[in-house]
Amino acid sequence: MAEPISVIILAAGESRRMGQPKLLLPWGETTVLGKVITTFAAGLVPVATDGWEIIVVTGAASRHVENLVLQLSNNYPVHTINNPDYANSGMLGSLQAGLRAVSSTGGAALIGLGDQPQVRPETIQSICAAYFQTGSSLVVPSFRQRRGHPWLASRSLWPEILALPATTTSRQFLNAHIKDIEYVPADESILQDLDTPEEYGRLKP
């Protein structure tokens, strides 16, 4: 049986360009982060093996984010891990904190962004299905030849990711493994995030 998939949602950013904690902004009947969590759950249920989990990596506004996740944990296997060095370690530091928190049974990590509520459950299903079908160590969604989030890395790659210096970006890591990537076609939501009030106003439902 295939090992479970663990989702790591990077949610430690300071939302400087938004001017307020963007993950807590309303999104339909929930919040931005609430929508992200429910979308991942909806995408995983049809295709993932038992034991899947969602780890939300917190940093800025951690108390509010953790309270939101605690409420959602009544319905989903979701919990938080804090990245105390979020201001200096950036996205990679949060990814590394998330990987260290994965349960011992996790066989792959699906890495998503907390400010991408537009991502579709079908995209998540396609990524997971491609991983199980091909056994690729990296599965990445693509829209018009541009890579986006979420992307999946098998456990075999985690030691390398954990050893990366803080200056490394996910783009550099993926470029170093270009021959290992299994690409999955997706829509433009894999490229969209919410950085500014203008983007939020244009994209919110």
N, C-alpha and C. Protein backbone atom coordinates (compact mmCIF):
# COMPACT_ATOMS: atom_id res chain seq x y z
N MET A 1 0.83 -1.20 0.00
CA MET A 1 0.00 0.00 0.00
C MET A 1 0.87 1.25 0.00
N ALA A 2 0.47 2.24 -0.77
CA ALA A 2 1.22 3.49 -0.83
C ALA A 2 1.15 4.21 0.51
N GLU A 3 2.25 4.89 0.84
CA GLU A 3 2.28 5.64 2.08
C GLU A 3 1.43 6.91 1.95
N PRO A 4 0.89 7.40 3.08
CA PRO A 4 0.01 8.57 3.02
C PRO A 4 0.72 9.84 2.55
N ILE A 5 -0.07 10.75 2.06
CA ILE A 5 0.42 12.07 1.66
C ILE A 5 0.18 13.05 2.80
N SER A 6 1.18 13.85 3.12
CA SER A 6 1.05 14.92 4.10
C SER A 6 1.07 16.26 3.38
N VAL A 7 0.08 17.07 3.67
CA VAL A 7 0.02 18.41 3.09
C VAL A 7 0.74 19.39 4.01
N ILE A 8 1.57 20.24 3.44
CA ILE A 8 2.21 21.32 4.19
C ILE A 8 1.73 22.63 3.58
N ILE A 9 1.00 23.41 4.37
CA ILE A 9 0.51 24.71 3.91
C ILE A 9 1.37 25.79 4.55
N LEU A 10 2.03 26.57 3.72
CA LEU A 10 2.91 27.64 4.20
C LEU A 10 2.07 28.86 4.51
N ALA A 11 2.00 29.19 5.80
CA ALA A 11 1.08 30.25 6.26
C ALA A 11 1.75 31.16 7.28
N ALA A 12 3.05 31.42 7.10
CA ALA A 12 3.81 32.16 8.10
C ALA A 12 4.11 33.60 7.69
N GLY A 13 3.70 34.00 6.49
CA GLY A 13 4.08 35.32 5.97
C GLY A 13 3.49 36.47 6.76
N GLU A 14 4.09 37.64 6.57
CA GLU A 14 3.71 38.83 7.33
C GLU A 14 2.64 39.69 6.65
N SER A 15 2.25 39.35 5.43
CA SER A 15 1.19 40.07 4.71
C SER A 15 1.47 41.57 4.63
N ARG A 16 2.71 41.95 4.43
CA ARG A 16 3.07 43.37 4.42
C ARG A 16 2.36 44.15 3.33
N ARG A 17 2.29 43.57 2.14
CA ARG A 17 1.66 44.28 1.02
C ARG A 17 0.15 44.37 1.17
N MET A 18 -0.44 43.41 1.88
CA MET A 18 -1.88 43.45 2.12
C MET A 18 -2.23 44.44 3.21
N GLY A 19 -1.32 44.65 4.16
CA GLY A 19 -1.59 45.59 5.23
C GLY A 19 -2.36 45.02 6.39
N GLN A 20 -2.73 43.76 6.35
CA GLN A 20 -3.41 43.05 7.42
C GLN A 20 -3.24 41.55 7.17
N PRO A 21 -3.48 40.69 8.18
CA PRO A 21 -3.28 39.26 7.98
C PRO A 21 -4.21 38.71 6.89
N LYS A 22 -3.66 38.45 5.73
CA LYS A 22 -4.50 38.10 4.58
C LYS A 22 -5.16 36.74 4.70
N LEU A 23 -4.56 35.82 5.44
CA LEU A 23 -5.13 34.48 5.55
C LEU A 23 -6.43 34.48 6.33
N LEU A 24 -6.68 35.54 7.10
CA LEU A 24 -7.88 35.63 7.92
C LEU A 24 -8.99 36.43 7.24
N LEU A 25 -8.72 36.95 6.04
CA LEU A 25 -9.73 37.72 5.32
C LEU A 25 -10.88 36.83 4.88
N PRO A 26 -12.09 37.38 4.80
CA PRO A 26 -13.24 36.57 4.37
C PRO A 26 -13.07 36.03 2.95
N TRP A 27 -13.52 34.81 2.75
CA TRP A 27 -13.52 34.19 1.42
C TRP A 27 -14.77 33.31 1.33
N GLY A 28 -15.79 33.83 0.69
CA GLY A 28 -17.06 33.12 0.66
C GLY A 28 -17.62 32.97 2.06
N GLU A 29 -17.91 31.74 2.46
CA GLU A 29 -18.47 31.49 3.78
C GLU A 29 -17.40 31.20 4.83
N THR A 30 -16.12 31.31 4.44
CA THR A 30 -15.04 31.03 5.37
C THR A 30 -13.98 32.12 5.25
N THR A 31 -12.74 31.78 5.47
CA THR A 31 -11.62 32.71 5.31
C THR A 31 -10.71 32.22 4.19
N VAL A 32 -9.72 33.01 3.85
CA VAL A 32 -8.76 32.60 2.82
C VAL A 32 -8.11 31.27 3.20
N LEU A 33 -7.57 31.19 4.41
CA LEU A 33 -6.92 29.95 4.83
C LEU A 33 -7.93 28.82 5.01
N GLY A 34 -9.10 29.15 5.51
CA GLY A 34 -10.14 28.13 5.65
C GLY A 34 -10.48 27.50 4.32
N LYS A 35 -10.57 28.32 3.27
CA LYS A 35 -10.85 27.80 1.93
C LYS A 35 -9.73 26.92 1.44
N VAL A 36 -8.48 27.32 1.69
CA VAL A 36 -7.33 26.51 1.27
C VAL A 36 -7.39 25.13 1.93
N ILE A 37 -7.65 25.10 3.22
CA ILE A 37 -7.68 23.82 3.94
C ILE A 37 -8.80 22.93 3.43
N THR A 38 -9.98 23.49 3.27
CA THR A 38 -11.11 22.66 2.80
C THR A 38 -10.89 22.19 1.37
N THR A 39 -10.22 22.99 0.55
CA THR A 39 -9.93 22.59 -0.82
C THR A 39 -8.96 21.41 -0.84
N PHE A 40 -7.91 21.47 -0.04
CA PHE A 40 -6.97 20.35 0.01
C PHE A 40 -7.66 19.09 0.50
N ALA A 41 -8.50 19.23 1.52
CA ALA A 41 -9.22 18.07 2.02
C ALA A 41 -10.12 17.47 0.95
N ALA A 42 -10.82 18.32 0.22
CA ALA A 42 -11.71 17.85 -0.84
C ALA A 42 -10.93 17.16 -1.96
N GLY A 43 -9.72 17.64 -2.23
CA GLY A 43 -8.91 17.03 -3.27
C GLY A 43 -8.27 15.73 -2.86
N LEU A 44 -7.96 15.60 -1.56
CA LEU A 44 -7.26 14.41 -1.08
C LEU A 44 -8.18 13.22 -0.84
N VAL A 45 -9.37 13.48 -0.35
CA VAL A 45 -10.26 12.39 0.06
C VAL A 45 -10.47 11.34 -1.05
N PRO A 46 -10.70 11.75 -2.31
CA PRO A 46 -10.98 10.73 -3.33
C PRO A 46 -9.76 9.91 -3.76
N VAL A 47 -8.55 10.43 -3.54
CA VAL A 47 -7.38 9.77 -4.13
C VAL A 47 -6.30 9.36 -3.13
N ALA A 48 -6.26 9.96 -1.96
CA ALA A 48 -5.17 9.69 -1.02
C ALA A 48 -5.47 8.46 -0.17
N THR A 49 -4.42 7.86 0.35
CA THR A 49 -4.58 6.72 1.24
C THR A 49 -4.92 7.20 2.65
N ASP A 50 -5.39 6.29 3.48
CA ASP A 50 -5.67 6.64 4.87
C ASP A 50 -4.42 7.18 5.54
N GLY A 51 -4.61 8.06 6.51
CA GLY A 51 -3.48 8.60 7.25
C GLY A 51 -2.99 9.94 6.75
N TRP A 52 -3.67 10.51 5.74
CA TRP A 52 -3.23 11.82 5.26
C TRP A 52 -3.46 12.87 6.34
N GLU A 53 -2.68 13.94 6.26
CA GLU A 53 -2.75 15.00 7.25
C GLU A 53 -2.46 16.34 6.58
N ILE A 54 -2.89 17.41 7.24
CA ILE A 54 -2.60 18.76 6.77
C ILE A 54 -1.87 19.49 7.89
N ILE A 55 -0.68 19.98 7.59
CA ILE A 55 0.13 20.73 8.54
C ILE A 55 0.18 22.18 8.08
N VAL A 56 -0.25 23.09 8.93
CA VAL A 56 -0.21 24.52 8.61
C VAL A 56 0.97 25.13 9.37
N VAL A 57 1.92 25.70 8.63
CA VAL A 57 3.10 26.30 9.25
C VAL A 57 2.81 27.76 9.53
N THR A 58 2.83 28.14 10.81
CA THR A 58 2.48 29.50 11.21
C THR A 58 3.73 30.33 11.50
N GLY A 59 3.52 31.63 11.56
CA GLY A 59 4.60 32.56 11.87
C GLY A 59 3.98 33.86 12.33
N ALA A 60 3.82 34.81 11.41
CA ALA A 60 3.13 36.05 11.72
C ALA A 60 1.66 35.75 12.01
N ALA A 61 1.07 36.53 12.93
CA ALA A 61 -0.34 36.35 13.32
C ALA A 61 -0.62 34.91 13.73
N SER A 62 0.37 34.27 14.35
CA SER A 62 0.26 32.84 14.63
C SER A 62 -0.92 32.51 15.55
N ARG A 63 -1.18 33.35 16.54
CA ARG A 63 -2.27 33.02 17.47
C ARG A 63 -3.61 32.97 16.75
N HIS A 64 -3.86 33.92 15.88
CA HIS A 64 -5.13 33.95 15.15
C HIS A 64 -5.22 32.79 14.16
N VAL A 65 -4.12 32.52 13.48
CA VAL A 65 -4.11 31.41 12.52
C VAL A 65 -4.31 30.09 13.24
N GLU A 66 -3.65 29.91 14.36
CA GLU A 66 -3.77 28.67 15.12
C GLU A 66 -5.19 28.47 15.66
N ASN A 67 -5.84 29.56 16.06
CA ASN A 67 -7.23 29.46 16.52
C ASN A 67 -8.15 29.01 15.38
N LEU A 68 -7.91 29.54 14.19
CA LEU A 68 -8.71 29.15 13.03
C LEU A 68 -8.50 27.67 12.71
N VAL A 69 -7.26 27.23 12.72
CA VAL A 69 -6.97 25.83 12.42
C VAL A 69 -7.58 24.92 13.48
N LEU A 70 -7.53 25.34 14.73
CA LEU A 70 -8.12 24.54 15.80
C LEU A 70 -9.61 24.31 15.55
N GLN A 71 -10.31 25.33 15.08
CA GLN A 71 -11.73 25.17 14.76
C GLN A 71 -11.93 24.16 13.63
N LEU A 72 -11.09 24.25 12.62
CA LEU A 72 -11.22 23.35 11.47
C LEU A 72 -10.81 21.92 11.79
N SER A 73 -10.02 21.75 12.86
CA SER A 73 -9.56 20.41 13.21
C SER A 73 -10.70 19.52 13.69
N ASN A 74 -11.85 20.11 13.95
CA ASN A 74 -13.02 19.29 14.30
C ASN A 74 -13.52 18.49 13.10
N ASN A 75 -13.19 18.98 11.90
CA ASN A 75 -13.68 18.33 10.69
C ASN A 75 -12.59 17.69 9.83
N TYR A 76 -11.34 18.11 10.02
CA TYR A 76 -10.25 17.63 9.17
C TYR A 76 -9.03 17.28 10.03
N PRO A 77 -8.14 16.38 9.54
CA PRO A 77 -6.91 16.06 10.27
C PRO A 77 -5.85 17.14 10.04
N VAL A 78 -6.10 18.31 10.62
CA VAL A 78 -5.23 19.47 10.40
C VAL A 78 -4.68 19.96 11.73
N HIS A 79 -3.41 20.33 11.73
CA HIS A 79 -2.79 20.90 12.93
C HIS A 79 -1.70 21.88 12.50
N THR A 80 -1.14 22.60 13.45
CA THR A 80 -0.17 23.64 13.14
C THR A 80 1.20 23.29 13.69
N ILE A 81 2.20 23.90 13.09
CA ILE A 81 3.56 23.90 13.61
C ILE A 81 4.08 25.32 13.41
N ASN A 82 4.75 25.85 14.39
CA ASN A 82 5.22 27.23 14.30
C ASN A 82 6.65 27.30 13.79
N ASN A 83 6.90 28.26 12.92
CA ASN A 83 8.25 28.57 12.46
C ASN A 83 8.69 29.83 13.18
N PRO A 84 9.40 29.72 14.30
CA PRO A 84 9.75 30.91 15.08
C PRO A 84 10.68 31.87 14.34
N ASP A 85 11.37 31.38 13.34
CA ASP A 85 12.31 32.22 12.59
C ASP A 85 11.73 32.64 11.24
N TYR A 86 10.39 32.75 11.17
CA TYR A 86 9.73 33.01 9.89
C TYR A 86 10.19 34.31 9.25
N ALA A 87 10.53 35.31 10.04
CA ALA A 87 10.91 36.61 9.49
C ALA A 87 12.25 36.56 8.77
N ASN A 88 13.10 35.60 9.14
CA ASN A 88 14.44 35.51 8.55
C ASN A 88 14.60 34.32 7.61
N SER A 89 13.89 33.24 7.87
CA SER A 89 14.12 32.01 7.11
C SER A 89 13.27 31.91 5.85
N GLY A 90 12.25 32.76 5.73
CA GLY A 90 11.45 32.79 4.52
C GLY A 90 10.65 31.52 4.28
N MET A 91 10.24 31.35 3.03
CA MET A 91 9.38 30.23 2.66
C MET A 91 10.08 28.89 2.85
N LEU A 92 11.37 28.85 2.53
CA LEU A 92 12.11 27.59 2.69
C LEU A 92 12.14 27.16 4.14
N GLY A 93 12.36 28.10 5.06
CA GLY A 93 12.39 27.77 6.47
C GLY A 93 11.06 27.19 6.94
N SER A 94 9.97 27.73 6.41
CA SER A 94 8.65 27.20 6.78
C SER A 94 8.45 25.80 6.19
N LEU A 95 8.90 25.59 4.97
CA LEU A 95 8.82 24.27 4.37
C LEU A 95 9.61 23.27 5.19
N GLN A 96 10.79 23.64 5.61
CA GLN A 96 11.62 22.74 6.41
C GLN A 96 10.95 22.44 7.75
N ALA A 97 10.34 23.45 8.37
CA ALA A 97 9.63 23.22 9.63
C ALA A 97 8.46 22.26 9.43
N GLY A 98 7.76 22.41 8.31
CA GLY A 98 6.66 21.52 8.00
C GLY A 98 7.11 20.09 7.79
N LEU A 99 8.20 19.91 7.07
CA LEU A 99 8.71 18.55 6.82
C LEU A 99 9.12 17.87 8.12
N ARG A 100 9.70 18.62 9.03
CA ARG A 100 10.10 18.03 10.31
C ARG A 100 8.90 17.59 11.14
N ALA A 101 7.74 18.17 10.84
CA ALA A 101 6.53 17.85 11.62
C ALA A 101 5.70 16.74 11.01
N VAL A 102 6.09 16.26 9.83
CA VAL A 102 5.31 15.20 9.17
C VAL A 102 5.36 13.92 10.00
N SER A 103 4.24 13.23 10.04
CA SER A 103 4.20 11.96 10.78
C SER A 103 5.14 10.95 10.14
N SER A 104 5.51 9.95 10.91
CA SER A 104 6.50 8.96 10.44
C SER A 104 5.98 8.14 9.27
N THR A 105 4.66 8.14 9.05
CA THR A 105 4.10 7.33 7.96
C THR A 105 4.01 8.09 6.64
N GLY A 106 4.24 9.39 6.67
CA GLY A 106 4.11 10.19 5.45
C GLY A 106 5.10 9.78 4.38
N GLY A 107 4.60 9.55 3.18
CA GLY A 107 5.48 9.13 2.10
C GLY A 107 5.78 10.21 1.10
N ALA A 108 4.97 11.27 1.11
CA ALA A 108 5.17 12.40 0.20
C ALA A 108 4.57 13.64 0.83
N ALA A 109 5.12 14.79 0.48
CA ALA A 109 4.61 16.07 0.98
C ALA A 109 4.05 16.87 -0.18
N LEU A 110 2.84 17.33 -0.02
CA LEU A 110 2.20 18.20 -1.00
C LEU A 110 2.26 19.61 -0.44
N ILE A 111 3.02 20.48 -1.09
CA ILE A 111 3.36 21.78 -0.55
C ILE A 111 2.49 22.86 -1.18
N GLY A 112 1.67 23.51 -0.37
CA GLY A 112 0.77 24.54 -0.86
C GLY A 112 0.98 25.86 -0.14
N LEU A 113 0.35 26.90 -0.67
CA LEU A 113 0.45 28.24 -0.10
C LEU A 113 -0.86 28.61 0.58
N GLY A 114 -0.76 29.25 1.73
CA GLY A 114 -1.94 29.63 2.47
C GLY A 114 -2.76 30.73 1.82
N ASP A 115 -2.18 31.41 0.83
CA ASP A 115 -2.91 32.51 0.19
C ASP A 115 -3.32 32.16 -1.25
N GLN A 116 -3.59 30.88 -1.49
CA GLN A 116 -4.07 30.45 -2.81
C GLN A 116 -5.44 29.77 -2.71
N PRO A 117 -6.46 30.51 -2.31
CA PRO A 117 -7.79 29.89 -2.15
C PRO A 117 -8.46 29.53 -3.47
N GLN A 118 -7.89 29.98 -4.60
CA GLN A 118 -8.51 29.70 -5.90
C GLN A 118 -8.15 28.31 -6.43
N VAL A 119 -7.12 27.69 -5.87
CA VAL A 119 -6.69 26.38 -6.37
C VAL A 119 -7.86 25.40 -6.29
N ARG A 120 -7.99 24.56 -7.31
CA ARG A 120 -9.13 23.68 -7.44
C ARG A 120 -8.85 22.29 -6.85
N PRO A 121 -9.85 21.67 -6.23
CA PRO A 121 -9.67 20.29 -5.74
C PRO A 121 -9.23 19.34 -6.85
N GLU A 122 -9.70 19.57 -8.07
CA GLU A 122 -9.34 18.70 -9.19
C GLU A 122 -7.84 18.73 -9.46
N THR A 123 -7.21 19.89 -9.24
CA THR A 123 -5.76 19.98 -9.41
C THR A 123 -5.04 19.12 -8.39
N ILE A 124 -5.50 19.18 -7.16
CA ILE A 124 -4.89 18.38 -6.10
C ILE A 124 -5.08 16.89 -6.40
N GLN A 125 -6.26 16.52 -6.86
CA GLN A 125 -6.50 15.12 -7.23
C GLN A 125 -5.54 14.67 -8.33
N SER A 126 -5.36 15.52 -9.33
CA SER A 126 -4.48 15.17 -10.46
C SER A 126 -3.04 14.98 -10.02
N ILE A 127 -2.57 15.84 -9.13
CA ILE A 127 -1.20 15.74 -8.64
C ILE A 127 -1.00 14.44 -7.87
N CYS A 128 -1.94 14.15 -6.97
CA CYS A 128 -1.83 12.92 -6.17
C CYS A 128 -1.94 11.69 -7.05
N ALA A 129 -2.86 11.71 -8.00
CA ALA A 129 -3.03 10.56 -8.88
C ALA A 129 -1.77 10.32 -9.71
N ALA A 130 -1.15 11.40 -10.19
CA ALA A 130 0.08 11.26 -10.97
C ALA A 130 1.19 10.66 -10.11
N TYR A 131 1.25 11.06 -8.86
CA TYR A 131 2.28 10.51 -7.96
C TYR A 131 2.08 9.02 -7.78
N PHE A 132 0.86 8.59 -7.50
CA PHE A 132 0.60 7.17 -7.28
C PHE A 132 0.79 6.35 -8.56
N GLN A 133 0.45 6.92 -9.69
CA GLN A 133 0.52 6.18 -10.95
C GLN A 133 1.94 6.07 -11.50
N THR A 134 2.72 7.15 -11.35
CA THR A 134 4.05 7.17 -11.97
C THR A 134 5.18 6.87 -10.99
N GLY A 135 4.94 7.10 -9.69
CA GLY A 135 6.01 6.91 -8.72
C GLY A 135 7.08 7.98 -8.81
N SER A 136 6.78 9.08 -9.50
CA SER A 136 7.76 10.16 -9.63
C SER A 136 8.05 10.79 -8.28
N SER A 137 9.29 11.21 -8.10
CA SER A 137 9.67 11.84 -6.83
C SER A 137 9.21 13.28 -6.76
N LEU A 138 8.89 13.88 -7.89
CA LEU A 138 8.41 15.26 -7.94
C LEU A 138 7.24 15.35 -8.90
N VAL A 139 6.14 15.94 -8.45
CA VAL A 139 4.99 16.19 -9.32
C VAL A 139 4.63 17.66 -9.18
N VAL A 140 4.58 18.34 -10.32
CA VAL A 140 4.41 19.79 -10.32
C VAL A 140 3.31 20.18 -11.31
N PRO A 141 2.36 21.04 -10.89
CA PRO A 141 1.35 21.51 -11.84
C PRO A 141 1.92 22.58 -12.76
N SER A 142 1.39 22.64 -13.96
CA SER A 142 1.91 23.57 -14.95
C SER A 142 0.76 24.23 -15.71
N PHE A 143 0.86 25.54 -15.91
CA PHE A 143 -0.09 26.28 -16.72
C PHE A 143 0.69 27.09 -17.74
N ARG A 144 0.49 26.77 -19.01
CA ARG A 144 1.20 27.46 -20.10
C ARG A 144 2.72 27.47 -19.85
N GLN A 145 3.23 26.30 -19.49
CA GLN A 145 4.66 26.06 -19.28
C GLN A 145 5.23 26.84 -18.09
N ARG A 146 4.36 27.22 -17.17
CA ARG A 146 4.82 27.88 -15.93
C ARG A 146 4.45 26.99 -14.75
N ARG A 147 5.42 26.72 -13.90
CA ARG A 147 5.18 25.90 -12.71
C ARG A 147 4.46 26.70 -11.64
N GLY A 148 3.66 25.99 -10.84
CA GLY A 148 2.95 26.65 -9.76
C GLY A 148 2.85 25.79 -8.52
N HIS A 149 1.95 26.18 -7.62
CA HIS A 149 1.67 25.44 -6.39
C HIS A 149 0.24 24.90 -6.44
N PRO A 150 0.01 23.78 -5.74
CA PRO A 150 0.93 23.01 -4.89
C PRO A 150 1.79 22.04 -5.71
N TRP A 151 2.96 21.70 -5.19
CA TRP A 151 3.78 20.68 -5.82
C TRP A 151 4.13 19.61 -4.78
N LEU A 152 4.44 18.44 -5.27
CA LEU A 152 4.63 17.28 -4.40
C LEU A 152 6.06 16.77 -4.47
N ALA A 153 6.61 16.45 -3.31
CA ALA A 153 7.95 15.88 -3.22
C ALA A 153 7.89 14.60 -2.38
N SER A 154 8.43 13.52 -2.90
CA SER A 154 8.44 12.26 -2.15
C SER A 154 9.45 12.33 -1.01
N ARG A 155 9.30 11.42 -0.05
CA ARG A 155 10.17 11.42 1.12
C ARG A 155 11.65 11.29 0.76
N SER A 156 11.95 10.66 -0.35
CA SER A 156 13.34 10.47 -0.74
C SER A 156 14.08 11.80 -0.93
N LEU A 157 13.33 12.87 -1.19
CA LEU A 157 13.94 14.18 -1.42
C LEU A 157 14.00 15.05 -0.17
N TRP A 158 13.34 14.64 0.89
CA TRP A 158 13.26 15.50 2.06
C TRP A 158 14.62 15.79 2.70
N PRO A 159 15.52 14.81 2.83
CA PRO A 159 16.82 15.15 3.42
C PRO A 159 17.54 16.26 2.66
N GLU A 160 17.43 16.24 1.34
CA GLU A 160 18.06 17.30 0.55
C GLU A 160 17.41 18.64 0.82
N ILE A 161 16.07 18.67 0.87
CA ILE A 161 15.38 19.92 1.15
C ILE A 161 15.74 20.45 2.53
N LEU A 162 15.80 19.56 3.51
CA LEU A 162 16.11 19.98 4.88
C LEU A 162 17.54 20.51 5.00
N ALA A 163 18.39 20.11 4.10
CA ALA A 163 19.80 20.55 4.16
C ALA A 163 20.06 21.82 3.35
N LEU A 164 19.06 22.33 2.64
CA LEU A 164 19.28 23.50 1.80
C LEU A 164 19.55 24.74 2.64
N PRO A 165 20.44 25.62 2.19
CA PRO A 165 20.67 26.88 2.92
C PRO A 165 19.49 27.82 2.76
N ALA A 166 19.36 28.75 3.69
CA ALA A 166 18.19 29.63 3.74
C ALA A 166 18.02 30.49 2.50
N THR A 167 19.09 30.69 1.76
CA THR A 167 19.01 31.55 0.57
C THR A 167 18.41 30.83 -0.64
N THR A 168 18.20 29.52 -0.52
CA THR A 168 17.70 28.74 -1.65
C THR A 168 16.19 28.94 -1.80
N THR A 169 15.72 28.99 -3.05
CA THR A 169 14.29 29.07 -3.32
C THR A 169 13.78 27.74 -3.85
N SER A 170 12.48 27.56 -3.78
CA SER A 170 11.90 26.33 -4.33
C SER A 170 12.16 26.24 -5.82
N ARG A 171 12.19 27.37 -6.50
CA ARG A 171 12.47 27.36 -7.94
C ARG A 171 13.86 26.79 -8.22
N GLN A 172 14.84 27.18 -7.42
CA GLN A 172 16.19 26.65 -7.60
C GLN A 172 16.24 25.15 -7.33
N PHE A 173 15.52 24.72 -6.31
CA PHE A 173 15.47 23.30 -6.00
C PHE A 173 14.85 22.52 -7.15
N LEU A 174 13.72 22.99 -7.66
CA LEU A 174 13.05 22.30 -8.76
C LEU A 174 13.91 22.32 -10.02
N ASN A 175 14.59 23.42 -10.27
CA ASN A 175 15.46 23.49 -11.45
C ASN A 175 16.59 22.45 -11.37
N ALA A 176 17.05 22.18 -10.16
CA ALA A 176 18.12 21.20 -9.98
C ALA A 176 17.63 19.78 -10.23
N HIS A 177 16.30 19.61 -10.21
CA HIS A 177 15.72 18.28 -10.41
C HIS A 177 14.79 18.27 -11.63
N ILE A 178 15.13 19.06 -12.60
CA ILE A 178 14.25 19.24 -13.75
C ILE A 178 13.93 17.92 -14.45
N LYS A 179 14.88 17.00 -14.46
CA LYS A 179 14.67 15.73 -15.16
C LYS A 179 13.78 14.76 -14.37
N ASP A 180 13.55 15.07 -13.09
CA ASP A 180 12.76 14.18 -12.24
C ASP A 180 11.29 14.57 -12.18
N ILE A 181 10.94 15.72 -12.76
CA ILE A 181 9.60 16.28 -12.57
C ILE A 181 8.58 15.62 -13.49
N GLU A 182 7.46 15.23 -12.91
CA GLU A 182 6.28 14.81 -13.65
C GLU A 182 5.32 16.01 -13.64
N TYR A 183 5.05 16.56 -14.82
CA TYR A 183 4.19 17.74 -14.90
C TYR A 183 2.73 17.34 -15.06
N VAL A 184 1.86 18.09 -14.41
CA VAL A 184 0.42 17.87 -14.47
C VAL A 184 -0.23 19.15 -14.99
N PRO A 185 -0.99 19.09 -16.08
CA PRO A 185 -1.66 20.29 -16.59
C PRO A 185 -2.66 20.82 -15.56
N ALA A 186 -2.73 22.13 -15.43
CA ALA A 186 -3.66 22.76 -14.48
C ALA A 186 -4.12 24.09 -15.03
N ASP A 187 -5.04 24.73 -14.32
CA ASP A 187 -5.49 26.06 -14.74
C ASP A 187 -4.63 27.13 -14.07
N GLU A 188 -4.94 28.38 -14.35
CA GLU A 188 -4.07 29.48 -13.91
C GLU A 188 -4.12 29.72 -12.41
N SER A 189 -5.04 29.07 -11.69
CA SER A 189 -5.11 29.29 -10.24
C SER A 189 -3.83 28.85 -9.53
N ILE A 190 -3.06 27.96 -10.15
CA ILE A 190 -1.81 27.50 -9.52
C ILE A 190 -0.76 28.61 -9.48
N LEU A 191 -0.99 29.68 -10.22
CA LEU A 191 -0.06 30.80 -10.27
C LEU A 191 -0.54 32.00 -9.47
N GLN A 192 -1.79 31.97 -9.06
CA GLN A 192 -2.40 33.13 -8.42
C GLN A 192 -2.28 33.05 -6.90
N ASP A 193 -1.85 34.16 -6.29
CA ASP A 193 -1.93 34.29 -4.85
C ASP A 193 -2.44 35.69 -4.52
N LEU A 194 -2.62 35.96 -3.26
CA LEU A 194 -3.20 37.22 -2.82
C LEU A 194 -2.15 38.02 -2.07
N ASP A 195 -1.58 39.02 -2.72
CA ASP A 195 -0.55 39.83 -2.07
C ASP A 195 -1.02 41.24 -1.73
N THR A 196 -1.94 41.78 -2.50
CA THR A 196 -2.34 43.18 -2.35
C THR A 196 -3.86 43.29 -2.18
N PRO A 197 -4.34 44.40 -1.61
CA PRO A 197 -5.79 44.61 -1.52
C PRO A 197 -6.47 44.58 -2.89
N GLU A 198 -5.76 45.04 -3.92
CA GLU A 198 -6.34 45.04 -5.26
C GLU A 198 -6.56 43.62 -5.76
N GLU A 199 -5.58 42.74 -5.54
CA GLU A 199 -5.73 41.34 -5.95
C GLU A 199 -6.86 40.67 -5.18
N TYR A 200 -6.93 40.94 -3.90
CA TYR A 200 -7.99 40.36 -3.09
C TYR A 200 -9.37 40.82 -3.58
N GLY A 201 -9.49 42.12 -3.84
CA GLY A 201 -10.77 42.65 -4.30
C GLY A 201 -11.18 42.10 -5.64
N ARG A 202 -10.20 41.82 -6.51
CA ARG A 202 -10.51 41.32 -7.85
C ARG A 202 -10.84 39.84 -7.83
N LEU A 203 -10.25 39.07 -6.94
CA LEU A 203 -10.37 37.61 -7.00
C LEU A 203 -11.37 37.03 -6.01
N LYS A 204 -11.69 37.74 -4.96
CA LYS A 204 -12.55 37.13 -3.93
C LYS A 204 -13.94 36.84 -4.49
N PRO A 205 -14.60 35.76 -4.03
CA PRO A 205 -15.91 35.40 -4.52
C PRO A 205 -17.00 36.34 -4.00
